[in-house]
C-alpha cells in the first residue's frame, strides 16, 4: 500500500504535460446504434411463464401422440393437434403454433426409440415379464408345499 499511495497523489494522465489530450465534453448524437447505452435483457417473469406454457403444450402433444401410437391409431396431424390444444388448454394461439409439430415420418429414428417399440412399448413388456415371474414364483411355492396328510386305513392284526 505504501508503494501505491504516491500514485494516487499524482495528477491524472490527461492533465499532465505531454499527456494524451481528450475532449472535455461529449458530442451530441442521435442516440441510435450505441450498444453501450442499451440495457441488457434478462429473462423476466413473463418469459419464464411463457416457457413453462410452451413446455406444457409440448408435453400434452407428446402424450397425445404416444397414446395414439400405443392404441394403434395414426398420429395427429397439425390441425388436429392445434384443435386439441385449443379446446383442452388455455394456451395463447401464437404459443400453440410454436408447439404444434408435423407428425414424424415412419422410419425416422426417435430420440428415445424404446418409447416407440412395436408391438408393445418396453414398459409394458417389462411389466408383463415381472407379473409372469411373480405368478411362476407363486406356483412354485404352492407346488413345494407338503400335501395334506392322507388318512390311512387301520391295519389289522399283526
N, C-alpha and C. Protein backbone atom coordinates (compact mmCIF):
# COMPACT_ATOMS: atom_id res chain seq x y z
N UNK A 1 0.82 -1.18 0.00
CA UNK A 1 0.00 0.00 0.00
C UNK A 1 0.87 1.25 0.00
N UNK A 2 1.99 1.20 0.72
CA UNK A 2 2.86 2.38 0.77
C UNK A 2 3.42 2.70 -0.61
N UNK A 3 3.68 1.64 -1.40
CA UNK A 3 4.22 1.87 -2.74
C UNK A 3 3.15 2.44 -3.67
N UNK A 4 1.91 2.08 -3.44
CA UNK A 4 0.84 2.54 -4.32
C UNK A 4 0.31 3.91 -3.93
N UNK A 5 0.48 4.35 -2.69
CA UNK A 5 -0.07 5.62 -2.22
C UNK A 5 0.40 6.81 -3.05
N UNK A 6 1.67 6.94 -3.44
CA UNK A 6 2.07 8.12 -4.23
C UNK A 6 1.38 8.18 -5.60
N UNK A 7 0.96 7.05 -6.14
CA UNK A 7 0.29 7.06 -7.42
C UNK A 7 -1.05 7.79 -7.35
N UNK A 8 -1.66 7.80 -6.17
CA UNK A 8 -2.95 8.46 -6.01
C UNK A 8 -2.80 9.96 -5.83
N UNK A 9 -1.61 10.44 -5.55
CA UNK A 9 -1.40 11.88 -5.36
C UNK A 9 -1.05 12.58 -6.66
N UNK A 10 -0.75 11.85 -7.70
CA UNK A 10 -0.41 12.47 -8.99
C UNK A 10 -1.65 13.04 -9.66
N UNK A 11 -1.40 13.94 -10.56
CA UNK A 11 -2.48 14.46 -11.39
C UNK A 11 -2.84 13.41 -12.43
N UNK A 12 -4.07 13.40 -12.88
CA UNK A 12 -4.46 12.44 -13.91
C UNK A 12 -3.59 12.59 -15.14
N UNK A 13 -3.42 11.50 -15.87
CA UNK A 13 -2.51 11.46 -17.02
C UNK A 13 -2.90 12.48 -18.09
N UNK A 14 -4.17 12.71 -18.29
CA UNK A 14 -4.56 13.65 -19.34
C UNK A 14 -4.31 15.11 -18.94
N UNK A 15 -4.06 15.36 -17.64
CA UNK A 15 -3.75 16.72 -17.20
C UNK A 15 -2.25 16.97 -17.12
N UNK A 16 -1.46 15.95 -17.20
CA UNK A 16 -0.02 16.12 -17.10
C UNK A 16 0.52 16.66 -18.42
N UNK A 17 1.62 17.43 -18.34
CA UNK A 17 2.20 17.97 -19.58
C UNK A 17 2.67 16.83 -20.48
N UNK A 18 2.31 16.91 -21.74
CA UNK A 18 2.71 15.91 -22.70
C UNK A 18 1.82 14.69 -22.71
N UNK A 19 0.80 14.69 -21.88
CA UNK A 19 -0.12 13.56 -21.84
C UNK A 19 -1.10 13.60 -23.01
N UNK A 20 -1.76 12.54 -23.22
CA UNK A 20 -2.73 12.49 -24.31
C UNK A 20 -3.90 13.40 -23.99
N UNK A 21 -4.33 14.12 -24.99
CA UNK A 21 -5.46 15.02 -24.76
C UNK A 21 -6.76 14.30 -25.10
N UNK A 22 -7.76 14.59 -24.30
CA UNK A 22 -9.09 14.02 -24.52
C UNK A 22 -10.09 15.16 -24.56
N UNK A 23 -11.15 14.95 -25.33
CA UNK A 23 -12.16 16.02 -25.34
C UNK A 23 -12.82 16.12 -23.96
N UNK A 24 -13.15 17.32 -23.56
CA UNK A 24 -13.70 17.51 -22.23
C UNK A 24 -15.21 17.30 -22.20
N UNK A 25 -15.86 17.30 -23.33
CA UNK A 25 -17.31 17.12 -23.35
C UNK A 25 -17.67 16.06 -24.38
N UNK A 26 -18.83 15.52 -24.22
CA UNK A 26 -19.35 14.58 -25.19
C UNK A 26 -20.09 15.34 -26.27
N UNK A 27 -20.02 14.84 -27.47
CA UNK A 27 -20.72 15.48 -28.57
C UNK A 27 -22.14 14.95 -28.63
N UNK A 28 -23.04 15.79 -29.09
CA UNK A 28 -24.43 15.38 -29.21
C UNK A 28 -24.56 14.35 -30.32
N UNK A 29 -25.38 13.38 -30.11
CA UNK A 29 -25.60 12.35 -31.12
C UNK A 29 -27.08 12.02 -31.22
N UNK A 30 -27.38 11.13 -32.10
CA UNK A 30 -28.77 10.75 -32.30
C UNK A 30 -29.25 9.74 -31.26
N UNK A 31 -28.32 9.05 -30.60
CA UNK A 31 -28.69 8.04 -29.61
C UNK A 31 -28.96 6.68 -30.22
N UNK A 32 -28.77 6.58 -31.54
CA UNK A 32 -29.01 5.31 -32.21
C UNK A 32 -27.69 4.57 -32.41
N UNK A 33 -27.72 3.28 -32.28
CA UNK A 33 -26.55 2.47 -32.58
C UNK A 33 -25.50 2.44 -31.50
N UNK A 34 -25.82 2.93 -30.32
CA UNK A 34 -24.85 2.92 -29.23
C UNK A 34 -25.14 1.73 -28.33
N UNK A 35 -24.33 0.70 -28.47
CA UNK A 35 -24.57 -0.51 -27.68
C UNK A 35 -24.28 -0.27 -26.20
N UNK A 36 -23.42 0.69 -25.90
CA UNK A 36 -23.09 0.93 -24.51
C UNK A 36 -24.28 1.49 -23.74
N UNK A 37 -25.22 2.07 -24.43
CA UNK A 37 -26.38 2.65 -23.76
C UNK A 37 -27.56 1.70 -23.70
N UNK A 38 -27.46 0.58 -24.37
CA UNK A 38 -28.58 -0.36 -24.41
C UNK A 38 -28.63 -1.19 -23.13
N UNK A 39 -29.82 -1.42 -22.65
CA UNK A 39 -30.00 -2.25 -21.45
C UNK A 39 -29.92 -3.72 -21.85
N UNK A 40 -29.27 -4.49 -21.03
CA UNK A 40 -29.17 -5.92 -21.29
C UNK A 40 -30.49 -6.56 -20.87
N UNK A 41 -31.04 -7.39 -21.74
CA UNK A 41 -32.31 -8.04 -21.45
C UNK A 41 -32.06 -9.35 -20.71
N UNK A 42 -32.58 -9.42 -19.53
CA UNK A 42 -32.54 -10.66 -18.77
C UNK A 42 -33.93 -11.27 -18.81
N UNK A 43 -34.05 -12.57 -18.63
CA UNK A 43 -35.38 -13.17 -18.63
C UNK A 43 -36.25 -12.55 -17.54
N UNK A 44 -37.48 -12.29 -17.91
CA UNK A 44 -38.43 -11.73 -16.96
C UNK A 44 -39.39 -12.80 -16.50
N UNK A 45 -40.25 -12.47 -15.59
CA UNK A 45 -41.27 -13.41 -15.11
C UNK A 45 -42.17 -13.84 -16.26
N UNK A 46 -42.49 -12.90 -17.15
CA UNK A 46 -43.33 -13.23 -18.31
C UNK A 46 -42.63 -14.24 -19.21
N UNK A 47 -41.31 -14.08 -19.40
CA UNK A 47 -40.54 -15.04 -20.21
C UNK A 47 -40.58 -16.43 -19.58
N UNK A 48 -40.43 -16.48 -18.26
CA UNK A 48 -40.47 -17.76 -17.55
C UNK A 48 -41.84 -18.42 -17.69
N UNK A 49 -42.91 -17.64 -17.51
CA UNK A 49 -44.26 -18.20 -17.64
C UNK A 49 -44.52 -18.69 -19.06
N UNK A 50 -44.04 -17.94 -20.04
CA UNK A 50 -44.24 -18.34 -21.44
C UNK A 50 -43.51 -19.66 -21.73
N UNK A 51 -42.30 -19.80 -21.23
CA UNK A 51 -41.55 -21.04 -21.45
C UNK A 51 -42.22 -22.22 -20.76
N UNK A 52 -42.75 -22.00 -19.56
CA UNK A 52 -43.47 -23.08 -18.87
C UNK A 52 -44.70 -23.50 -19.66
N UNK A 53 -45.42 -22.53 -20.20
CA UNK A 53 -46.60 -22.85 -21.01
C UNK A 53 -46.21 -23.61 -22.27
N UNK A 54 -45.11 -23.20 -22.89
CA UNK A 54 -44.66 -23.87 -24.11
C UNK A 54 -44.30 -25.33 -23.81
N UNK A 55 -43.57 -25.56 -22.71
CA UNK A 55 -43.19 -26.92 -22.33
C UNK A 55 -44.42 -27.75 -21.98
N UNK A 56 -45.40 -27.14 -21.33
CA UNK A 56 -46.65 -27.84 -21.01
C UNK A 56 -47.36 -28.26 -22.30
N UNK A 57 -47.42 -27.36 -23.27
CA UNK A 57 -48.03 -27.70 -24.55
C UNK A 57 -47.30 -28.82 -25.26
N UNK A 58 -45.97 -28.79 -25.23
CA UNK A 58 -45.18 -29.86 -25.85
C UNK A 58 -45.45 -31.21 -25.18
N UNK A 59 -45.54 -31.21 -23.84
CA UNK A 59 -45.84 -32.46 -23.11
C UNK A 59 -47.22 -33.00 -23.48
N UNK A 60 -48.20 -32.11 -23.60
CA UNK A 60 -49.55 -32.55 -23.94
C UNK A 60 -49.56 -33.17 -25.33
N UNK A 61 -48.91 -32.52 -26.29
CA UNK A 61 -48.87 -33.06 -27.65
C UNK A 61 -48.15 -34.40 -27.67
N UNK A 62 -47.05 -34.52 -26.95
CA UNK A 62 -46.31 -35.78 -26.92
C UNK A 62 -47.14 -36.89 -26.28
N UNK A 63 -47.86 -36.56 -25.21
CA UNK A 63 -48.73 -37.57 -24.57
C UNK A 63 -49.83 -38.02 -25.51
N UNK A 64 -50.42 -37.10 -26.24
CA UNK A 64 -51.48 -37.45 -27.19
C UNK A 64 -50.92 -38.35 -28.29
N UNK A 65 -49.76 -38.00 -28.81
CA UNK A 65 -49.15 -38.80 -29.88
C UNK A 65 -48.76 -40.19 -29.35
N UNK A 66 -48.26 -40.25 -28.11
CA UNK A 66 -47.88 -41.55 -27.53
C UNK A 66 -49.11 -42.43 -27.34
N UNK A 67 -50.22 -41.83 -26.91
CA UNK A 67 -51.46 -42.59 -26.76
C UNK A 67 -51.93 -43.12 -28.10
N UNK A 68 -51.82 -42.30 -29.13
CA UNK A 68 -52.22 -42.74 -30.47
C UNK A 68 -51.36 -43.91 -30.93
N UNK A 69 -50.05 -43.84 -30.70
CA UNK A 69 -49.16 -44.94 -31.10
C UNK A 69 -49.48 -46.21 -30.33
N UNK A 70 -49.73 -46.04 -29.01
CA UNK A 70 -49.99 -47.19 -28.16
C UNK A 70 -51.28 -47.92 -28.55
N UNK A 71 -52.26 -47.16 -28.99
CA UNK A 71 -53.55 -47.76 -29.36
C UNK A 71 -53.62 -48.14 -30.83
N UNK A 72 -52.55 -47.92 -31.58
CA UNK A 72 -52.50 -48.33 -32.98
C UNK A 72 -53.14 -47.33 -33.93
N UNK A 73 -53.45 -46.14 -33.46
CA UNK A 73 -54.02 -45.11 -34.34
C UNK A 73 -52.90 -44.30 -34.98
N UNK A 74 -53.19 -43.65 -36.11
CA UNK A 74 -52.17 -42.80 -36.72
C UNK A 74 -51.95 -41.54 -35.87
N UNK A 75 -50.77 -40.95 -35.95
CA UNK A 75 -50.51 -39.74 -35.16
C UNK A 75 -51.39 -38.58 -35.63
N UNK A 76 -51.65 -37.65 -34.72
CA UNK A 76 -52.46 -36.49 -35.05
C UNK A 76 -51.69 -35.57 -35.99
N UNK A 77 -52.38 -35.03 -36.98
CA UNK A 77 -51.72 -34.07 -37.86
C UNK A 77 -51.74 -32.69 -37.20
N UNK A 78 -51.18 -31.70 -37.86
CA UNK A 78 -51.04 -30.38 -37.24
C UNK A 78 -52.37 -29.74 -36.89
N UNK A 79 -53.37 -29.86 -37.76
CA UNK A 79 -54.68 -29.27 -37.47
C UNK A 79 -55.34 -29.94 -36.27
N UNK A 80 -55.22 -31.26 -36.18
CA UNK A 80 -55.80 -31.96 -35.03
C UNK A 80 -55.09 -31.58 -33.74
N UNK A 81 -53.78 -31.43 -33.79
CA UNK A 81 -53.02 -31.00 -32.60
C UNK A 81 -53.47 -29.61 -32.18
N UNK A 82 -53.59 -28.71 -33.15
CA UNK A 82 -53.98 -27.33 -32.87
C UNK A 82 -55.39 -27.30 -32.25
N UNK A 83 -56.32 -28.05 -32.82
CA UNK A 83 -57.69 -28.08 -32.31
C UNK A 83 -57.72 -28.66 -30.89
N UNK A 84 -56.97 -29.73 -30.67
CA UNK A 84 -56.94 -30.34 -29.34
C UNK A 84 -56.37 -29.39 -28.30
N UNK A 85 -55.24 -28.75 -28.60
CA UNK A 85 -54.64 -27.81 -27.65
C UNK A 85 -55.56 -26.62 -27.40
N UNK A 86 -56.24 -26.17 -28.43
CA UNK A 86 -57.13 -25.03 -28.28
C UNK A 86 -58.32 -25.37 -27.39
N UNK A 87 -58.83 -26.60 -27.49
CA UNK A 87 -60.01 -26.98 -26.70
C UNK A 87 -59.65 -27.46 -25.30
N UNK A 88 -58.47 -28.05 -25.13
CA UNK A 88 -58.10 -28.63 -23.84
C UNK A 88 -57.36 -27.65 -22.94
N UNK A 89 -56.64 -26.70 -23.53
CA UNK A 89 -55.81 -25.79 -22.73
C UNK A 89 -56.24 -24.35 -22.93
N UNK A 90 -55.63 -23.47 -22.17
CA UNK A 90 -55.85 -22.03 -22.35
C UNK A 90 -54.60 -21.36 -22.91
N UNK A 91 -53.80 -22.11 -23.66
CA UNK A 91 -52.58 -21.56 -24.24
C UNK A 91 -52.93 -20.51 -25.29
N UNK A 92 -52.15 -19.44 -25.39
CA UNK A 92 -52.37 -18.44 -26.44
C UNK A 92 -52.16 -19.05 -27.83
N UNK A 93 -52.86 -18.49 -28.81
CA UNK A 93 -52.82 -19.03 -30.17
C UNK A 93 -51.41 -19.05 -30.74
N UNK A 94 -50.63 -17.98 -30.52
CA UNK A 94 -49.26 -17.96 -31.07
C UNK A 94 -48.37 -19.00 -30.42
N UNK A 95 -48.64 -19.33 -29.16
CA UNK A 95 -47.86 -20.36 -28.48
C UNK A 95 -48.26 -21.75 -28.99
N UNK A 96 -49.53 -21.93 -29.28
CA UNK A 96 -49.99 -23.21 -29.85
C UNK A 96 -49.31 -23.44 -31.19
N UNK A 97 -49.16 -22.37 -31.97
CA UNK A 97 -48.49 -22.51 -33.27
C UNK A 97 -47.04 -22.93 -33.12
N UNK A 98 -46.39 -22.50 -32.05
CA UNK A 98 -45.00 -22.92 -31.80
C UNK A 98 -44.92 -24.38 -31.37
N UNK A 99 -45.92 -24.83 -30.63
CA UNK A 99 -45.90 -26.17 -30.05
C UNK A 99 -46.26 -27.24 -31.08
N UNK A 100 -47.19 -26.92 -31.96
CA UNK A 100 -47.68 -27.89 -32.94
C UNK A 100 -46.54 -28.29 -33.86
N UNK A 101 -46.42 -29.61 -34.09
CA UNK A 101 -45.36 -30.10 -34.95
C UNK A 101 -45.94 -31.09 -35.94
N UNK A 102 -45.33 -31.19 -37.12
CA UNK A 102 -45.82 -32.18 -38.08
C UNK A 102 -45.57 -33.58 -37.54
N UNK A 103 -46.45 -34.53 -37.87
CA UNK A 103 -46.22 -35.90 -37.40
C UNK A 103 -44.92 -36.45 -37.95
N UNK A 104 -44.26 -37.28 -37.16
CA UNK A 104 -42.99 -37.86 -37.59
C UNK A 104 -43.23 -38.85 -38.72
N UNK A 105 -42.33 -38.82 -39.65
CA UNK A 105 -42.42 -39.78 -40.76
C UNK A 105 -42.05 -41.16 -40.26
N UNK A 106 -42.66 -42.18 -40.84
CA UNK A 106 -42.35 -43.55 -40.45
C UNK A 106 -40.91 -43.85 -40.85
N UNK A 107 -40.17 -44.47 -39.97
CA UNK A 107 -38.79 -44.82 -40.26
C UNK A 107 -37.79 -43.81 -39.72
N UNK A 108 -38.27 -42.67 -39.26
CA UNK A 108 -37.36 -41.67 -38.70
C UNK A 108 -37.04 -42.10 -37.27
N UNK A 109 -35.77 -42.16 -36.97
CA UNK A 109 -35.36 -42.62 -35.63
C UNK A 109 -35.73 -41.56 -34.60
N UNK A 110 -36.37 -41.99 -33.56
CA UNK A 110 -36.73 -41.09 -32.47
C UNK A 110 -35.54 -40.93 -31.54
N UNK A 111 -35.59 -39.88 -30.72
CA UNK A 111 -34.50 -39.67 -29.77
C UNK A 111 -34.48 -40.76 -28.71
N UNK A 112 -35.65 -41.30 -28.39
CA UNK A 112 -35.74 -42.36 -27.40
C UNK A 112 -36.52 -43.52 -28.03
N UNK A 113 -35.87 -44.34 -28.82
CA UNK A 113 -36.58 -45.36 -29.60
C UNK A 113 -37.31 -46.38 -28.75
N UNK A 114 -36.86 -46.63 -27.52
CA UNK A 114 -37.51 -47.63 -26.69
C UNK A 114 -38.93 -47.21 -26.32
N UNK A 115 -39.27 -45.92 -26.46
CA UNK A 115 -40.62 -45.48 -26.17
C UNK A 115 -41.58 -45.81 -27.31
N UNK A 116 -41.06 -46.16 -28.46
CA UNK A 116 -41.90 -46.37 -29.63
C UNK A 116 -41.76 -47.79 -30.18
N UNK A 117 -41.49 -48.74 -29.30
CA UNK A 117 -41.30 -50.13 -29.74
C UNK A 117 -42.60 -50.70 -30.28
N UNK A 118 -42.46 -51.67 -31.13
CA UNK A 118 -43.62 -52.32 -31.71
C UNK A 118 -43.53 -53.80 -31.42
N UNK A 119 -44.53 -54.51 -31.08
CA UNK A 119 -45.93 -54.12 -30.97
C UNK A 119 -46.30 -53.55 -29.62
N UNK A 120 -45.42 -53.67 -28.60
CA UNK A 120 -45.72 -53.15 -27.28
C UNK A 120 -44.60 -52.22 -26.83
N UNK A 121 -44.93 -51.16 -26.09
CA UNK A 121 -43.86 -50.33 -25.51
C UNK A 121 -43.07 -51.16 -24.50
N UNK A 122 -41.82 -50.85 -24.35
CA UNK A 122 -40.92 -51.63 -23.50
C UNK A 122 -41.39 -51.65 -22.05
N UNK A 123 -42.01 -50.56 -21.59
CA UNK A 123 -42.51 -50.53 -20.21
C UNK A 123 -43.57 -51.60 -20.00
N UNK A 124 -44.44 -51.80 -20.99
CA UNK A 124 -45.48 -52.82 -20.88
C UNK A 124 -44.86 -54.22 -20.88
N UNK A 125 -43.84 -54.42 -21.69
CA UNK A 125 -43.18 -55.73 -21.76
C UNK A 125 -42.52 -56.06 -20.43
N UNK A 126 -41.85 -55.08 -19.84
CA UNK A 126 -41.19 -55.30 -18.54
C UNK A 126 -42.24 -55.61 -17.47
N UNK A 127 -43.36 -54.89 -17.49
CA UNK A 127 -44.42 -55.13 -16.50
C UNK A 127 -45.00 -56.53 -16.68
N UNK A 128 -45.22 -56.95 -17.93
CA UNK A 128 -45.76 -58.29 -18.18
C UNK A 128 -44.77 -59.36 -17.71
N UNK A 129 -43.48 -59.17 -17.96
CA UNK A 129 -42.47 -60.14 -17.54
C UNK A 129 -42.41 -60.23 -16.02
N UNK A 130 -42.51 -59.09 -15.33
CA UNK A 130 -42.49 -59.11 -13.87
C UNK A 130 -43.71 -59.84 -13.32
N UNK A 131 -44.87 -59.62 -13.92
CA UNK A 131 -46.08 -60.30 -13.47
C UNK A 131 -45.96 -61.80 -13.70
N UNK A 132 -45.39 -62.20 -14.85
CA UNK A 132 -45.22 -63.63 -15.14
C UNK A 132 -44.26 -64.27 -14.14
N UNK A 133 -43.18 -63.55 -13.78
CA UNK A 133 -42.25 -64.08 -12.78
C UNK A 133 -42.92 -64.27 -11.43
N UNK A 134 -43.77 -63.32 -11.05
CA UNK A 134 -44.46 -63.43 -9.77
C UNK A 134 -45.43 -64.62 -9.77
N UNK A 135 -46.14 -64.81 -10.88
CA UNK A 135 -47.05 -65.95 -10.97
C UNK A 135 -46.27 -67.27 -10.90
N UNK A 136 -45.14 -67.33 -11.60
CA UNK A 136 -44.33 -68.56 -11.59
C UNK A 136 -43.80 -68.84 -10.19
N UNK A 137 -43.38 -67.79 -9.48
CA UNK A 137 -42.88 -67.98 -8.11
C UNK A 137 -44.00 -68.45 -7.20
N UNK A 138 -45.19 -67.91 -7.37
CA UNK A 138 -46.33 -68.33 -6.54
C UNK A 138 -46.69 -69.78 -6.84
N UNK A 139 -46.66 -70.18 -8.12
CA UNK A 139 -46.95 -71.56 -8.49
C UNK A 139 -45.90 -72.50 -7.90
N UNK A 140 -44.65 -72.10 -7.93
CA UNK A 140 -43.57 -72.94 -7.40
C UNK A 140 -43.72 -73.11 -5.90
N UNK A 141 -44.10 -72.05 -5.21
CA UNK A 141 -44.29 -72.14 -3.76
C UNK A 141 -45.44 -73.09 -3.42
N UNK A 142 -46.51 -73.01 -4.18
CA UNK A 142 -47.65 -73.88 -3.90
C UNK A 142 -47.33 -75.34 -4.25
N UNK A 143 -46.48 -75.61 -5.23
CA UNK A 143 -46.12 -76.97 -5.62
C UNK A 143 -45.21 -77.63 -4.60
N UNK A 144 -44.41 -76.85 -3.87
CA UNK A 144 -43.46 -77.40 -2.91
C UNK A 144 -44.06 -77.60 -1.53
N UNK A 145 -45.28 -77.19 -1.34
CA UNK A 145 -45.90 -77.39 -0.03
C UNK A 145 -46.19 -78.88 0.16
N UNK A 146 -46.09 -79.30 1.39
CA UNK A 146 -46.43 -80.70 1.69
C UNK A 146 -47.92 -80.90 1.48
N UNK A 147 -48.26 -81.97 0.79
CA UNK A 147 -49.69 -82.21 0.59
C UNK A 147 -50.34 -82.54 1.93
N UNK A 148 -51.61 -82.38 1.99
CA UNK A 148 -52.35 -82.67 3.23
C UNK A 148 -52.20 -84.15 3.55
N UNK A 149 -52.03 -84.48 4.83
CA UNK A 149 -51.85 -85.90 5.18
C UNK A 149 -53.11 -86.70 4.81
N UNK A 150 -52.85 -87.87 4.26
CA UNK A 150 -53.94 -88.76 3.85
C UNK A 150 -54.19 -89.73 5.00
N UNK A 151 -55.43 -89.92 5.33
CA UNK A 151 -55.77 -90.84 6.43
C UNK A 151 -55.55 -92.27 5.96
N UNK A 152 -54.79 -93.02 6.71
CA UNK A 152 -54.54 -94.42 6.37
C UNK A 152 -55.60 -95.29 7.04
N UNK A 153 -55.94 -96.33 6.35
CA UNK A 153 -56.88 -97.25 6.99
C UNK A 153 -56.18 -97.98 8.13
N UNK A 154 -56.89 -98.31 9.18
CA UNK A 154 -56.26 -99.02 10.27
C UNK A 154 -55.77 -100.39 9.83
N UNK A 155 -54.62 -100.77 10.33
CA UNK A 155 -54.04 -102.08 9.95
C UNK A 155 -54.55 -103.13 10.93
N UNK A 156 -54.82 -104.28 10.38
CA UNK A 156 -55.39 -105.34 11.21
C UNK A 156 -54.29 -106.30 11.66
N UNK A 157 -54.38 -106.70 12.78
CA UNK A 157 -53.56 -107.66 13.48
C UNK A 157 -52.24 -108.03 12.87
N UNK A 158 -51.37 -107.58 13.35
CA UNK A 158 -50.04 -108.01 13.02
C UNK A 158 -49.51 -108.86 14.04
